[in-house]
Amino acid sequence: MAAADAAVLDIDNQTSTIAKDVTSSPSNKRKRSDGEDQTGNAKTNSNNNKRRKKKKGGGGGKKQHHNKQKRNWIESCSESISRIPSNCVAPVTCVITRSEIEEEPLLPKQVGDDMTQSEDTKHTLDRDDDGADKIDCSSNNEPAESNTSSSIEHPANNIATLSKSFVDTLSKEPIQPWKIATTLQVNGEEKKLFIPVQRHASTNGPTKWQQTQKKQGRHTKKGQNYSHLPDGDNGDGKKNPYPKKAVPDKFWAQRKRLFSRYDEGIQIGGEDDPEMWYSVTPESIGLHIADRMASMMSLDRKSTSSGTGVGDTTSTQCNDSKKETVIIDAFCGCGGNSIAFARLNNNKDVAGSNTRMKVIAVDNNLSRLKMAANNASIYGISKEDIVLVHADAVEVINAYEGGSRKNVQSEIPTNDRCCETYFGFAVGGVELLPDHVDALFLSPPWGGMDYDSNKGKSGFDPVNGITLESKMHNKEGDVMKTNGGELLTMAAKAVLSESKQEGLVVAFLPRNIDGISFTRVAVTSDIKGSIELEQNVVNGKVKTVTAYLGPCVSQSLTGEGKK
């Protein structure tokens, strides 16, 4: 990457805004007043100030550093759409929005050694954590036995390989080396790439949840030490049955936040596949994303979430003539998002329309597809609404271009298994893929629980932070690696059609995503117009970020007057 490109200059401007916010915080104002007299002149006795800081244990300095770390790029970046340099080109605008989702914060906490639940602990506290305390524990049903000891095996041959035909195609037409764009050719002249940022009004000020909490006076009292109940107990007395190294208590505590019907037999994985516990999209966020995608793809229905963050009106009509809207969940795991997409068909507004959602749930791990089938059956999903494809995501994405299936030879990449059924749902290989696709949902691995360390200059780097490993169909067991930039470029080529003004690509990203870097990847993927980075705020705190890309995004933002 060129260090002097305009996007970096914009990042510097946005970083300076963070510094201003930190310096203007009340704690820093107090520090300045400690070091200045009433006339604003600095006191000369610096030794007293040093001793004062030393007595406080350096708490002020630590708190200032903590506040800097707490503010992610998407929360603190400045708007730059009105200051595009004349010597730069800006083909894509990054529009930042905010969605506010409310959950019942029913996880009790103890104050010191007191295990009783006080009035203050009945509500989620304003504290910096990973969101594990924002869970739904409303169900009183006893957990099924299969939850504590998963009956699903995870042998090595459950992992799908790239089919021989796909590998042969790659050898004949090798993929060109991917390189992120820093400049673009405009009328024969090379210009630097600039990423303008536009902040929607919904991102201004405190969230509605925070305003409500302030009005009701629900704040943490000074001097009290709040902590979660031990062993992952979320108030129902059920302790974490898994080894803590495999499934930490905070993941077990949020099980009903991941699936509200967990106690009815939901399977997430256990000691043999703990990755699912920190990979499943929380149910409330999954339903919200499904609703936003349905709106963008012109399903004439009302929003089922508590708020979209960009308005509740229906977006511009893009694909309303189709009777079936096909969405591919390329990394379905145990089915959180796929089930959310299919649940749209159970809504009265959708069921009464002429369009239904068809979900193609893809995963390279057959055991996870079995868990997804089990979980979909618990939620009452129709067997026609979800098709489970055991294949590598890279091969599936490359099977399409402009929303249509390529004329390629179909092979079953799942160790030559024929089509099977689990809980009534069809499970097979790439031969089950439909002829067309309207939307592609990407929720790739972020690098495990340590994804926060995959940072660039201003946050999570989507190119270096996301790496897919695809097993080759050979005895040597070779592996093909795909980075996050290549993945998004493949997805855009597979689904988006600029000539038809159709297609939608949605990426589920960490809350510390570097929006400038991500938008540069979108430019490299030949996306034009606007992309939307939506802050998914649960109970007043940003938990994740969802990126929406495609012609329907620009049309919906324009149609709703979000210029």
Protein backbone atom coordinates (compact mmCIF):
# COMPACT_ATOMS: atom_id res chain seq x y z
CA MET A 1 0.00 0.00 0.00
CA ALA A 2 1.18 3.53 -0.74
CA ALA A 3 1.69 5.39 2.49
CA ALA A 4 0.92 8.77 0.96
CA ASP A 5 -2.50 8.06 -0.56
CA ALA A 6 -5.42 10.32 0.27
CA ALA A 7 -7.29 7.67 2.23
CA VAL A 8 -4.47 7.63 4.74
CA LEU A 9 -4.66 11.40 4.98
CA ASP A 10 -8.33 11.06 5.78
CA ILE A 11 -7.58 8.49 8.45
CA ASP A 12 -5.14 10.95 10.03
CA ASN A 13 -7.85 13.60 10.11
CA GLN A 14 -10.24 11.12 11.70
CA THR A 15 -7.62 10.03 14.20
CA SER A 16 -7.11 13.65 15.21
CA THR A 17 -10.86 13.83 15.91
CA ILE A 18 -10.48 10.95 18.37
CA ALA A 19 -7.68 12.83 20.11
CA LYS A 20 -9.87 15.93 20.36
CA ASP A 21 -12.71 13.88 21.83
CA VAL A 22 -10.41 12.37 24.42
CA THR A 23 -8.88 15.73 25.36
CA SER A 24 -12.31 17.28 25.71
CA SER A 25 -13.59 14.56 28.04
CA PRO A 26 -14.53 15.61 31.60
CA SER A 27 -11.66 13.64 33.12
CA ASN A 28 -9.12 15.48 30.99
CA LYS A 29 -10.73 18.85 31.79
CA ARG A 30 -10.21 18.09 35.43
CA LYS A 31 -6.57 17.28 34.77
CA ARG A 32 -6.05 20.59 33.02
CA SER A 33 -7.66 22.47 35.91
CA ASP A 34 -5.30 20.67 38.29
CA GLY A 35 -2.34 21.97 36.34
CA GLU A 36 -3.60 25.51 35.73
CA ASP A 37 -4.62 28.41 37.94
CA GLN A 38 -7.90 30.31 37.47
CA THR A 39 -6.29 32.65 34.94
CA GLY A 40 -5.44 29.69 32.71
CA ASN A 41 -1.68 29.88 33.35
CA ALA A 42 0.20 26.67 34.06
CA LYS A 43 1.42 26.17 37.58
CA THR A 44 5.13 25.98 38.00
CA ASN A 45 5.14 23.31 40.66
CA SER A 46 5.27 20.30 38.34
CA ASN A 47 6.70 18.08 41.07
CA ASN A 48 3.45 18.37 43.04
CA ASN A 49 1.53 17.27 39.98
CA LYS A 50 3.82 14.26 39.56
CA ARG A 51 3.38 13.27 43.19
CA ARG A 52 -0.37 13.68 42.91
CA LYS A 53 -0.50 11.37 39.88
CA LYS A 54 1.74 8.88 41.64
CA LYS A 55 -0.55 8.76 44.68
CA LYS A 56 -3.50 8.06 42.43
CA GLY A 57 -1.61 5.13 40.98
CA GLY A 58 -1.52 6.66 37.53
CA GLY A 59 -5.27 6.07 37.30
CA GLY A 60 -5.91 9.17 35.23
CA GLY A 61 -3.42 8.19 32.57
CA LYS A 62 -4.75 4.65 32.41
CA LYS A 63 -8.31 5.87 32.10
CA GLN A 64 -7.36 8.17 29.24
CA HIS A 65 -5.66 5.29 27.40
CA HIS A 66 -8.66 3.08 28.10
CA ASN A 67 -11.02 5.62 26.54
CA LYS A 68 -8.88 5.78 23.42
CA GLN A 69 -9.00 2.03 23.05
CA LYS A 70 -12.74 1.93 23.67
CA ARG A 71 -13.64 4.20 20.77
CA ASN A 72 -13.58 2.23 17.52
CA TRP A 73 -13.15 3.85 14.12
CA ILE A 74 -16.83 3.60 13.22
CA GLU A 75 -17.82 5.46 16.39
CA SER A 76 -15.28 8.27 16.17
CA CYS A 77 -14.43 8.93 12.51
CA SER A 78 -15.26 12.35 11.14
CA GLU A 79 -17.37 13.15 8.09
CA SER A 80 -15.28 13.96 5.01
CA ILE A 81 -17.77 13.87 2.12
CA SER A 82 -17.59 17.66 1.70
CA ARG A 83 -13.82 17.89 1.48
CA ILE A 84 -12.73 15.65 -1.41
CA PRO A 85 -9.36 16.92 -2.72
CA SER A 86 -9.35 18.08 -6.33
CA ASN A 87 -6.46 15.79 -7.25
CA CYS A 88 -8.27 12.67 -5.96
CA VAL A 89 -11.08 10.43 -7.15
CA ALA A 90 -13.88 9.14 -4.91
CA PRO A 91 -15.97 6.46 -6.68
CA VAL A 92 -17.47 5.05 -3.45
CA THR A 93 -18.92 6.82 -0.43
CA CYS A 94 -18.85 5.09 2.94
CA VAL A 95 -22.18 5.82 4.67
CA ILE A 96 -22.25 5.05 8.39
CA THR A 97 -25.60 4.26 9.98
CA ARG A 98 -26.73 2.96 13.35
CA SER A 99 -29.29 0.30 14.21
CA GLU A 100 -30.51 0.05 17.78
CA ILE A 101 -31.59 -3.36 19.03
CA GLU A 102 -32.96 -3.90 22.49
CA GLU A 103 -32.60 -7.12 24.46
CA GLU A 104 -33.74 -7.99 27.93
CA PRO A 105 -30.55 -7.61 30.07
CA LEU A 106 -31.52 -10.35 32.50
CA LEU A 107 -28.10 -11.67 33.44
CA PRO A 108 -27.78 -11.02 37.20
CA LYS A 109 -24.58 -9.79 38.77
CA GLN A 110 -23.25 -9.93 42.25
CA VAL A 111 -22.05 -6.90 44.21
CA GLY A 112 -18.92 -7.87 46.11
CA ASP A 113 -19.70 -11.09 47.98
CA ASP A 114 -23.45 -10.51 47.96
CA MET A 115 -25.11 -13.03 45.62
CA THR A 116 -28.56 -11.43 45.87
CA GLN A 117 -29.89 -9.53 42.89
CA SER A 118 -30.45 -5.90 43.82
CA GLU A 119 -32.54 -3.39 41.89
CA ASP A 120 -29.39 -1.99 40.26
CA THR A 121 -28.22 -5.41 39.05
CA LYS A 122 -31.48 -6.13 37.26
CA HIS A 123 -30.31 -3.92 34.46
CA THR A 124 -27.26 -4.08 32.25
CA LEU A 125 -24.47 -1.96 33.67
CA ASP A 126 -22.50 0.60 31.72
CA ARG A 127 -19.21 -1.24 31.60
CA ASP A 128 -16.67 -2.11 28.94
CA ASP A 129 -17.06 -5.79 28.10
CA ASP A 130 -17.49 -8.09 25.14
CA GLY A 131 -21.25 -8.10 25.27
CA ALA A 132 -21.63 -11.48 26.94
CA ASP A 133 -23.87 -9.90 29.55
CA LYS A 134 -26.44 -8.85 26.95
CA ILE A 135 -28.31 -12.14 26.75
CA ASP A 136 -31.87 -13.39 26.79
CA CYS A 137 -32.62 -15.77 29.61
CA SER A 138 -36.40 -15.64 29.42
CA SER A 139 -36.96 -19.36 28.83
CA ASN A 140 -37.59 -21.50 31.88
CA ASN A 141 -37.50 -24.84 30.10
CA GLU A 142 -35.05 -27.48 31.24
CA PRO A 143 -32.16 -28.02 28.81
CA ALA A 144 -32.15 -31.09 26.63
CA GLU A 145 -29.52 -33.71 27.35
CA SER A 146 -28.02 -33.26 23.89
CA ASN A 147 -27.01 -29.70 24.79
CA THR A 148 -24.48 -30.73 27.41
CA SER A 149 -22.86 -33.53 25.43
CA SER A 150 -23.00 -33.11 21.68
CA SER A 151 -23.89 -36.30 19.82
CA ILE A 152 -22.37 -35.02 16.58
CA GLU A 153 -18.95 -36.32 15.64
CA HIS A 154 -16.27 -34.24 13.94
CA PRO A 155 -14.00 -36.61 11.99
CA ALA A 156 -11.44 -35.12 9.64
CA ASN A 157 -13.25 -36.39 6.53
CA ASN A 158 -16.21 -34.14 7.37
CA ILE A 159 -14.29 -31.21 5.86
CA ALA A 160 -15.15 -30.58 2.20
CA THR A 161 -12.35 -30.19 -0.33
CA LEU A 162 -12.22 -28.18 -3.51
CA SER A 163 -13.55 -30.40 -6.29
CA LYS A 164 -11.20 -31.66 -8.97
CA SER A 165 -13.08 -29.78 -11.71
CA PHE A 166 -12.70 -26.49 -9.83
CA VAL A 167 -8.99 -27.03 -9.22
CA ASP A 168 -8.51 -27.91 -12.90
CA THR A 169 -10.29 -24.69 -13.87
CA LEU A 170 -7.98 -22.70 -11.62
CA SER A 171 -4.92 -24.31 -13.18
CA LYS A 172 -6.13 -23.38 -16.67
CA GLU A 173 -7.24 -19.88 -15.73
CA PRO A 174 -5.21 -18.91 -12.66
CA ILE A 175 -6.59 -16.11 -10.52
CA GLN A 176 -4.69 -12.87 -10.98
CA PRO A 177 -2.77 -11.65 -7.92
CA TRP A 178 -5.03 -9.43 -5.86
CA LYS A 179 -3.80 -5.96 -4.95
CA ILE A 180 -5.74 -3.27 -3.13
CA ALA A 181 -6.36 -0.09 -5.12
CA THR A 182 -4.60 3.12 -4.09
CA THR A 183 -4.99 5.00 -7.41
CA LEU A 184 -7.48 4.93 -10.29
CA GLN A 185 -7.30 5.92 -13.95
CA VAL A 186 -9.67 8.78 -14.83
CA ASN A 187 -9.69 9.92 -18.48
CA GLY A 188 -6.15 8.64 -18.92
CA GLU A 189 -4.93 10.40 -15.79
CA GLU A 190 -3.90 8.55 -12.66
CA LYS A 191 -5.50 9.96 -9.53
CA LYS A 192 -5.21 9.06 -5.88
CA LEU A 193 -8.08 7.22 -4.26
CA PHE A 194 -10.02 9.11 -1.59
CA ILE A 195 -12.69 7.55 0.62
CA PRO A 196 -15.36 10.09 1.61
CA VAL A 197 -17.23 9.28 4.81
CA GLN A 198 -20.82 10.32 5.42
CA ARG A 199 -22.38 9.94 8.87
CA HIS A 200 -26.13 9.45 8.98
CA ALA A 201 -28.11 11.42 11.55
CA SER A 202 -28.85 8.20 13.44
CA THR A 203 -25.18 8.03 14.50
CA ASN A 204 -25.22 11.40 16.25
CA GLY A 205 -25.39 11.65 20.01
CA PRO A 206 -26.10 8.94 22.58
CA THR A 207 -28.28 5.97 21.71
CA LYS A 208 -31.95 5.83 22.65
CA TRP A 209 -31.14 3.10 25.17
CA GLN A 210 -28.53 5.27 26.86
CA GLN A 211 -30.94 8.21 26.97
CA THR A 212 -33.61 6.01 28.58
CA GLN A 213 -31.15 4.67 31.13
CA LYS A 214 -30.07 8.19 32.02
CA LYS A 215 -33.65 9.35 32.50
CA GLN A 216 -34.40 6.37 34.73
CA GLY A 217 -31.20 6.94 36.70
CA ARG A 218 -29.81 3.46 36.11
CA HIS A 219 -26.10 3.96 36.66
CA THR A 220 -23.41 1.97 38.37
CA LYS A 221 -22.79 3.26 41.88
CA LYS A 222 -19.23 4.27 42.63
CA GLY A 223 -17.26 1.90 44.79
CA GLN A 224 -19.31 -1.21 43.98
CA ASN A 225 -17.60 -4.16 42.33
CA TYR A 226 -20.02 -5.81 39.92
CA SER A 227 -19.22 -9.21 38.42
CA HIS A 228 -21.02 -12.10 36.72
CA LEU A 229 -22.28 -15.08 38.64
CA PRO A 230 -19.78 -17.96 38.62
CA ASP A 231 -19.66 -20.91 36.17
CA GLY A 232 -21.65 -19.16 33.45
CA ASP A 233 -24.82 -19.10 35.51
CA ASN A 234 -27.19 -16.64 33.83
CA GLY A 235 -29.72 -16.73 36.64
CA ASP A 236 -31.37 -20.08 35.93
CA GLY A 237 -28.91 -22.05 38.05
CA LYS A 238 -27.47 -23.99 35.08
CA LYS A 239 -23.69 -24.03 35.16
CA ASN A 240 -21.28 -24.43 32.27
CA PRO A 241 -20.89 -28.19 31.63
CA TYR A 242 -17.93 -27.78 29.27
CA PRO A 243 -14.23 -27.37 30.07
CA LYS A 244 -13.61 -23.66 30.50
CA LYS A 245 -10.65 -23.71 28.10
CA ALA A 246 -12.93 -25.00 25.35
CA VAL A 247 -16.11 -23.05 26.14
CA PRO A 248 -15.50 -20.09 28.50
CA ASP A 249 -18.21 -19.25 31.01
CA LYS A 250 -19.14 -16.03 29.20
CA PHE A 251 -20.08 -18.02 26.07
CA TRP A 252 -22.19 -20.49 28.02
CA ALA A 253 -23.90 -17.58 29.80
CA GLN A 254 -25.02 -16.07 26.48
CA ARG A 255 -26.41 -19.30 24.98
CA LYS A 256 -29.99 -17.98 24.90
CA ARG A 257 -28.76 -14.78 23.35
CA LEU A 258 -27.42 -16.88 20.47
CA PHE A 259 -30.56 -19.03 20.26
CA SER A 260 -33.58 -18.07 22.36
CA ARG A 261 -34.87 -21.67 22.07
CA TYR A 262 -31.62 -23.23 23.24
CA ASP A 263 -33.30 -25.32 25.93
CA GLU A 264 -35.42 -27.14 23.33
CA GLY A 265 -32.44 -29.06 21.95
CA ILE A 266 -30.34 -26.49 20.06
CA GLN A 267 -26.84 -27.69 19.15
CA ILE A 268 -23.98 -25.20 19.00
CA GLY A 269 -21.03 -27.54 19.46
CA GLY A 270 -19.00 -28.42 22.48
CA GLU A 271 -15.50 -29.38 23.44
CA ASP A 272 -14.93 -30.90 19.99
CA ASP A 273 -16.01 -27.74 18.11
CA PRO A 274 -15.87 -24.71 20.44
CA GLU A 275 -15.44 -22.26 17.55
CA MET A 276 -19.20 -22.12 17.02
CA TRP A 277 -19.71 -20.58 20.45
CA TYR A 278 -17.98 -17.36 19.40
CA SER A 279 -18.95 -17.52 15.71
CA VAL A 280 -22.76 -17.65 15.86
CA THR A 281 -24.50 -14.34 15.19
CA PRO A 282 -26.72 -13.40 18.16
CA GLU A 283 -30.34 -14.06 17.29
CA SER A 284 -31.56 -10.47 17.61
CA ILE A 285 -28.79 -9.17 15.32
CA GLY A 286 -29.39 -12.01 12.83
CA LEU A 287 -33.11 -11.20 12.60
CA HIS A 288 -32.32 -7.52 12.11
CA ILE A 289 -29.85 -8.24 9.28
CA ALA A 290 -32.38 -10.54 7.61
CA ASP A 291 -35.01 -7.83 7.77
CA ARG A 292 -32.66 -5.20 6.32
CA MET A 293 -31.71 -7.51 3.47
CA ALA A 294 -35.34 -8.32 2.77
CA SER A 295 -36.13 -4.62 2.63
CA MET A 296 -33.28 -3.93 0.26
CA MET A 297 -34.37 -6.81 -1.95
CA SER A 298 -37.84 -5.33 -2.04
CA LEU A 299 -39.91 -7.76 -0.01
CA ASP A 300 -43.02 -5.69 0.66
CA ARG A 301 -43.21 -6.14 4.39
CA LYS A 302 -42.75 -4.29 7.65
CA SER A 303 -39.64 -4.43 9.76
CA THR A 304 -39.62 -7.11 12.47
CA SER A 305 -36.69 -5.64 14.37
CA SER A 306 -36.94 -2.89 16.95
CA GLY A 307 -35.36 -0.36 14.56
CA THR A 308 -33.26 -0.30 11.41
CA GLY A 309 -31.23 2.80 12.10
CA VAL A 310 -31.87 4.13 8.60
CA GLY A 311 -35.63 4.51 8.78
CA ASP A 312 -38.54 2.10 8.76
CA THR A 313 -39.81 2.84 5.27
CA THR A 314 -39.57 0.35 2.43
CA SER A 315 -36.55 0.79 0.18
CA THR A 316 -36.55 1.22 -3.59
CA GLN A 317 -37.97 -1.73 -5.50
CA CYS A 318 -35.17 -3.80 -7.03
CA ASN A 319 -36.34 -7.39 -7.54
CA ASP A 320 -40.09 -7.35 -6.87
CA SER A 321 -40.94 -9.34 -10.02
CA LYS A 322 -39.31 -12.54 -8.75
CA LYS A 323 -41.35 -15.11 -6.85
CA GLU A 324 -38.30 -16.57 -5.11
CA THR A 325 -35.44 -14.61 -3.59
CA VAL A 326 -32.32 -16.75 -3.24
CA ILE A 327 -29.71 -15.91 -0.64
CA ILE A 328 -26.49 -17.84 -0.07
CA ASP A 329 -25.13 -18.01 3.47
CA ALA A 330 -21.56 -18.90 2.57
CA PHE A 331 -20.39 -19.64 6.14
CA CYS A 332 -23.55 -20.93 7.79
CA GLY A 333 -21.94 -22.80 10.73
CA CYS A 334 -24.70 -24.14 12.96
CA GLY A 335 -27.32 -22.05 11.17
CA GLY A 336 -27.85 -18.81 13.09
CA ASN A 337 -28.17 -16.48 10.08
CA SER A 338 -29.69 -19.09 7.75
CA ILE A 339 -32.51 -19.68 10.23
CA ALA A 340 -33.05 -15.91 10.56
CA PHE A 341 -33.36 -15.58 6.77
CA ALA A 342 -35.81 -18.48 6.54
CA ARG A 343 -37.90 -17.17 9.45
CA LEU A 344 -38.88 -14.23 7.24
CA ASN A 345 -41.22 -16.64 5.44
CA ASN A 346 -43.06 -17.30 8.70
CA ASN A 347 -43.91 -13.63 9.02
CA LYS A 348 -47.48 -12.84 8.00
CA ASP A 349 -46.47 -9.95 5.76
CA VAL A 350 -43.94 -12.08 3.85
CA ALA A 351 -46.15 -15.17 3.73
CA GLY A 352 -48.88 -13.06 2.15
CA SER A 353 -46.60 -11.65 -0.55
CA ASN A 354 -45.65 -13.26 -3.86
CA THR A 355 -41.99 -13.60 -2.87
CA ARG A 356 -40.39 -16.22 -0.64
CA MET A 357 -36.90 -16.49 0.75
CA LYS A 358 -34.85 -19.50 -0.37
CA VAL A 359 -31.72 -20.04 1.74
CA ILE A 360 -28.66 -21.94 0.51
CA ALA A 361 -26.69 -22.72 3.67
CA VAL A 362 -23.06 -23.54 2.80
CA ASP A 363 -20.34 -24.87 5.07
CA ASN A 364 -17.25 -27.00 4.54
CA ASN A 365 -17.91 -28.85 7.81
CA LEU A 366 -20.59 -31.55 7.51
CA SER A 367 -21.04 -31.76 11.28
CA ARG A 368 -22.00 -28.10 11.43
CA LEU A 369 -24.53 -28.59 8.65
CA LYS A 370 -26.11 -31.36 10.71
CA MET A 371 -26.32 -29.00 13.68
CA ALA A 372 -27.90 -26.37 11.41
CA ALA A 373 -30.52 -28.90 10.25
CA ASN A 374 -31.30 -29.81 13.86
CA ASN A 375 -31.62 -26.16 14.88
CA ALA A 376 -33.76 -25.24 11.86
CA SER A 377 -36.19 -28.05 12.71
CA ILE A 378 -36.55 -26.68 16.26
CA TYR A 379 -37.53 -23.27 14.86
CA GLY A 380 -40.09 -24.89 12.57
CA ILE A 381 -38.38 -23.95 9.31
CA SER A 382 -39.97 -25.47 6.21
CA LYS A 383 -37.87 -28.14 4.49
CA GLU A 384 -38.23 -26.23 1.21
CA ASP A 385 -36.82 -23.00 2.62
CA ILE A 386 -33.26 -24.19 3.44
CA VAL A 387 -30.90 -26.31 1.35
CA LEU A 388 -27.67 -27.44 3.03
CA VAL A 389 -24.61 -27.55 0.77
CA HIS A 390 -21.44 -29.28 1.97
CA ALA A 391 -18.77 -27.46 -0.03
CA ASP A 392 -16.01 -24.91 0.25
CA ALA A 393 -17.25 -21.31 0.21
CA VAL A 394 -14.62 -20.23 -2.34
CA GLU A 395 -15.81 -22.84 -4.83
CA VAL A 396 -19.48 -21.97 -4.30
CA ILE A 397 -18.89 -18.24 -4.77
CA ASN A 398 -16.86 -18.82 -7.92
CA ALA A 399 -19.71 -20.90 -9.36
CA TYR A 400 -21.64 -17.66 -10.08
CA GLU A 401 -21.14 -14.55 -12.14
CA GLY A 402 -23.53 -11.61 -12.17
CA GLY A 403 -26.05 -13.62 -10.16
CA SER A 404 -26.22 -16.54 -12.62
CA ARG A 405 -24.72 -20.00 -12.36
CA LYS A 406 -21.74 -20.62 -14.62
CA ASN A 407 -21.81 -23.52 -17.04
CA VAL A 408 -19.49 -25.76 -15.03
CA GLN A 409 -19.40 -29.46 -14.35
CA SER A 410 -20.96 -30.30 -10.99
CA GLU A 411 -19.16 -32.56 -8.58
CA ILE A 412 -19.84 -33.58 -5.02
CA PRO A 413 -16.92 -32.31 -2.93
CA THR A 414 -18.06 -34.19 0.18
CA ASN A 415 -16.06 -37.40 -0.18
CA ASP A 416 -18.34 -38.68 -2.97
CA ARG A 417 -21.42 -38.78 -0.74
CA CYS A 418 -24.78 -38.77 -2.46
CA CYS A 419 -27.51 -36.37 -1.40
CA GLU A 420 -28.73 -37.13 2.12
CA THR A 421 -31.33 -35.68 4.45
CA TYR A 422 -30.96 -34.60 8.08
CA PHE A 423 -34.11 -33.75 10.02
CA GLY A 424 -35.83 -33.60 6.62
CA PHE A 425 -33.42 -31.05 5.11
CA ALA A 426 -31.52 -31.96 1.94
CA VAL A 427 -27.73 -32.08 2.35
CA GLY A 428 -25.47 -32.49 -0.66
CA GLY A 429 -22.69 -30.98 -2.71
CA VAL A 430 -22.48 -28.21 -5.31
CA GLU A 431 -25.00 -30.08 -7.46
CA LEU A 432 -27.69 -28.62 -5.18
CA LEU A 433 -26.79 -25.03 -6.02
CA PRO A 434 -29.58 -23.08 -7.78
CA ASP A 435 -29.28 -21.45 -11.19
CA HIS A 436 -29.43 -17.91 -9.84
CA VAL A 437 -28.70 -16.02 -6.64
CA ASP A 438 -29.95 -12.62 -5.47
CA ALA A 439 -27.84 -12.02 -2.38
CA LEU A 440 -24.71 -13.34 -0.74
CA PHE A 441 -24.14 -13.20 3.02
CA LEU A 442 -20.55 -13.45 4.23
CA SER A 443 -19.64 -14.16 7.83
CA PRO A 444 -16.07 -15.43 7.48
CA PRO A 445 -13.83 -16.23 10.45
CA TRP A 446 -12.18 -13.13 11.89
CA GLY A 447 -9.15 -14.95 13.25
CA GLY A 448 -10.55 -16.48 16.43
CA MET A 449 -11.07 -14.87 19.81
CA ASP A 450 -7.89 -12.83 19.30
CA TYR A 451 -9.30 -11.02 16.25
CA ASP A 452 -8.78 -7.72 18.07
CA SER A 453 -5.03 -8.12 17.52
CA ASN A 454 -5.44 -8.12 13.71
CA LYS A 455 -5.37 -4.34 13.59
CA GLY A 456 -4.09 -1.95 11.00
CA LYS A 457 -3.59 1.75 11.59
CA SER A 458 -7.22 2.43 12.49
CA GLY A 459 -8.73 -0.93 13.38
CA PHE A 460 -9.38 -4.43 12.05
CA ASP A 461 -7.77 -4.92 8.64
CA PRO A 462 -10.19 -6.94 6.42
CA VAL A 463 -7.38 -8.03 4.09
CA ASN A 464 -4.89 -9.39 6.60
CA GLY A 465 -7.38 -10.18 9.36
CA ILE A 466 -9.46 -12.64 7.30
CA THR A 467 -7.78 -15.71 5.82
CA LEU A 468 -9.60 -18.76 4.40
CA GLU A 469 -7.86 -22.09 3.93
CA SER A 470 -9.37 -24.38 1.29
CA LYS A 471 -8.25 -28.00 1.10
CA MET A 472 -7.25 -29.22 -2.35
CA HIS A 473 -8.61 -32.41 -3.87
CA ASN A 474 -5.28 -34.29 -3.90
CA LYS A 475 -3.30 -36.75 -1.81
CA GLU A 476 -0.79 -34.13 -0.76
CA GLY A 477 -3.49 -32.20 1.05
CA ASP A 478 -2.43 -28.85 -0.40
CA VAL A 479 -4.18 -25.74 0.87
CA MET A 480 -5.28 -22.67 -1.10
CA LYS A 481 -5.41 -19.45 0.92
CA THR A 482 -7.81 -16.59 0.26
CA ASN A 483 -7.63 -13.25 2.07
CA GLY A 484 -10.54 -10.98 2.93
CA GLY A 485 -9.95 -8.69 -0.03
CA GLU A 486 -10.01 -11.55 -2.52
CA LEU A 487 -13.15 -12.94 -0.88
CA LEU A 488 -15.08 -9.69 -1.28
CA THR A 489 -13.93 -9.30 -4.89
CA MET A 490 -15.13 -12.83 -5.67
CA ALA A 491 -18.46 -12.14 -3.99
CA ALA A 492 -19.04 -8.90 -5.88
CA LYS A 493 -18.30 -10.58 -9.20
CA ALA A 494 -20.55 -13.52 -8.36
CA VAL A 495 -23.68 -11.63 -7.32
CA LEU A 496 -23.66 -7.98 -8.35
CA SER A 497 -24.91 -6.93 -11.78
CA GLU A 498 -24.43 -3.25 -12.55
CA SER A 499 -26.23 -3.51 -15.90
CA LYS A 500 -29.34 -5.03 -14.30
CA GLN A 501 -28.96 -2.94 -11.12
CA GLU A 502 -29.39 -6.10 -9.06
CA GLY A 503 -27.57 -8.04 -6.39
CA LEU A 504 -26.62 -7.58 -2.77
CA VAL A 505 -23.50 -8.56 -0.84
CA VAL A 506 -23.61 -8.36 2.96
CA ALA A 507 -20.57 -8.85 5.19
CA PHE A 508 -20.70 -9.42 8.95
CA LEU A 509 -17.69 -7.65 10.47
CA PRO A 510 -16.14 -6.96 13.89
CA ARG A 511 -17.00 -3.72 15.65
CA ASN A 512 -13.41 -2.45 15.36
CA ILE A 513 -13.38 -2.69 11.53
CA ASP A 514 -11.31 -0.08 9.72
CA GLY A 515 -13.95 1.44 7.44
CA ILE A 516 -11.45 3.21 5.17
CA SER A 517 -9.59 -0.03 4.45
CA PHE A 518 -12.85 -1.92 3.91
CA THR A 519 -14.16 0.70 1.48
CA ARG A 520 -10.87 0.59 -0.43
CA VAL A 521 -11.42 -3.16 -0.79
CA ALA A 522 -14.92 -2.39 -2.13
CA VAL A 523 -13.40 -0.02 -4.71
CA THR A 524 -10.91 -2.70 -5.71
CA SER A 525 -13.89 -5.06 -6.14
CA ASP A 526 -15.33 -2.61 -8.73
CA ILE A 527 -18.21 -1.51 -6.50
CA LYS A 528 -19.56 1.95 -7.21
CA GLY A 529 -21.94 4.38 -5.55
CA SER A 530 -22.38 3.97 -1.81
CA ILE A 531 -21.75 1.23 0.69
CA GLU A 532 -23.34 1.18 4.10
CA LEU A 533 -21.53 0.31 7.31
CA GLU A 534 -24.19 -0.25 9.95
CA GLN A 535 -23.37 -0.19 13.64
CA ASN A 536 -25.31 -2.99 15.33
CA VAL A 537 -25.97 -1.46 18.74
CA VAL A 538 -27.41 -3.74 21.42
CA ASN A 539 -28.57 -2.08 24.62
CA GLY A 540 -26.55 1.04 23.92
CA LYS A 541 -23.25 -0.56 22.84
CA VAL A 542 -21.79 -1.33 19.42
CA LYS A 543 -21.44 -5.11 19.17
CA THR A 544 -20.77 -5.72 15.47
CA VAL A 545 -20.77 -3.95 12.10
CA THR A 546 -22.72 -5.08 9.03
CA ALA A 547 -21.62 -3.92 5.58
CA TYR A 548 -24.17 -3.70 2.73
CA LEU A 549 -22.85 -3.45 -0.84
CA GLY A 550 -24.57 -3.35 -4.22
CA PRO A 551 -26.90 -1.29 -6.45
CA CYS A 552 -29.84 -1.79 -4.09
CA VAL A 553 -27.88 -0.11 -1.29
CA SER A 554 -27.36 3.10 -3.24
CA GLN A 555 -30.97 3.04 -4.43
CA SER A 556 -32.36 2.49 -0.95
CA LEU A 557 -30.25 5.28 0.57
CA THR A 558 -31.29 7.66 -2.23
CA GLY A 559 -34.91 6.55 -2.10
CA GLU A 560 -35.08 7.26 1.63
CA GLY A 561 -33.51 10.69 1.20
CA LYS A 562 -30.26 9.72 2.97
CA LYS A 563 -28.00 11.97 0.89
